Amino acid sequence: MLQLNKINHITIICSDYQKSKTFSTTILGLTIIQEIYREERQSYKLDLALNGDYVIELFSFPNPPKRPSSPEAAGLRHLAFEVNDIQKTRDFLVNQSITAEAIRIDEFTQKSFFFIADPDNLPVEFYEK
């Protein structure tokens, strides 16, 4: 049987590198592991960590195609972060001028959650521990 240890990272291709870099570091609080500019591809690669663990690889490419529909296109639907205090998290994001959905309760787990959109309008979920 295949033995997986954990998810190593998730890759996101953004349309505005500086905007997405700022969102990831300033709003989400991810830390930069390394940033590389690949001249031959006109592309940045930004490795980001959460609590010291490598989690997101942010890429920029010239003129990437848009997501075909939102939010139910085939493929990765959203990125979710676990948080300790859902209301405090939502309040922080709203104070940063981020539009946040109302807090809802997961009907199966009874945990609180809500969504925002990243700079490319991709869904990002915050889910209470």
Foldseek 3Di string as FASTA:
>chain_A
DDDDDDDQEEEDEDADVVQLVCCVCVLVNWDWPDWDQDVVQRKIWTFTHDPPGTYYTYMYGHPDDAQPDPQPDPDDREAEDEDADAVVSVVSCVVVVWDKDDWDADPVPRWIKTWTAGPSGGIYMYTYD
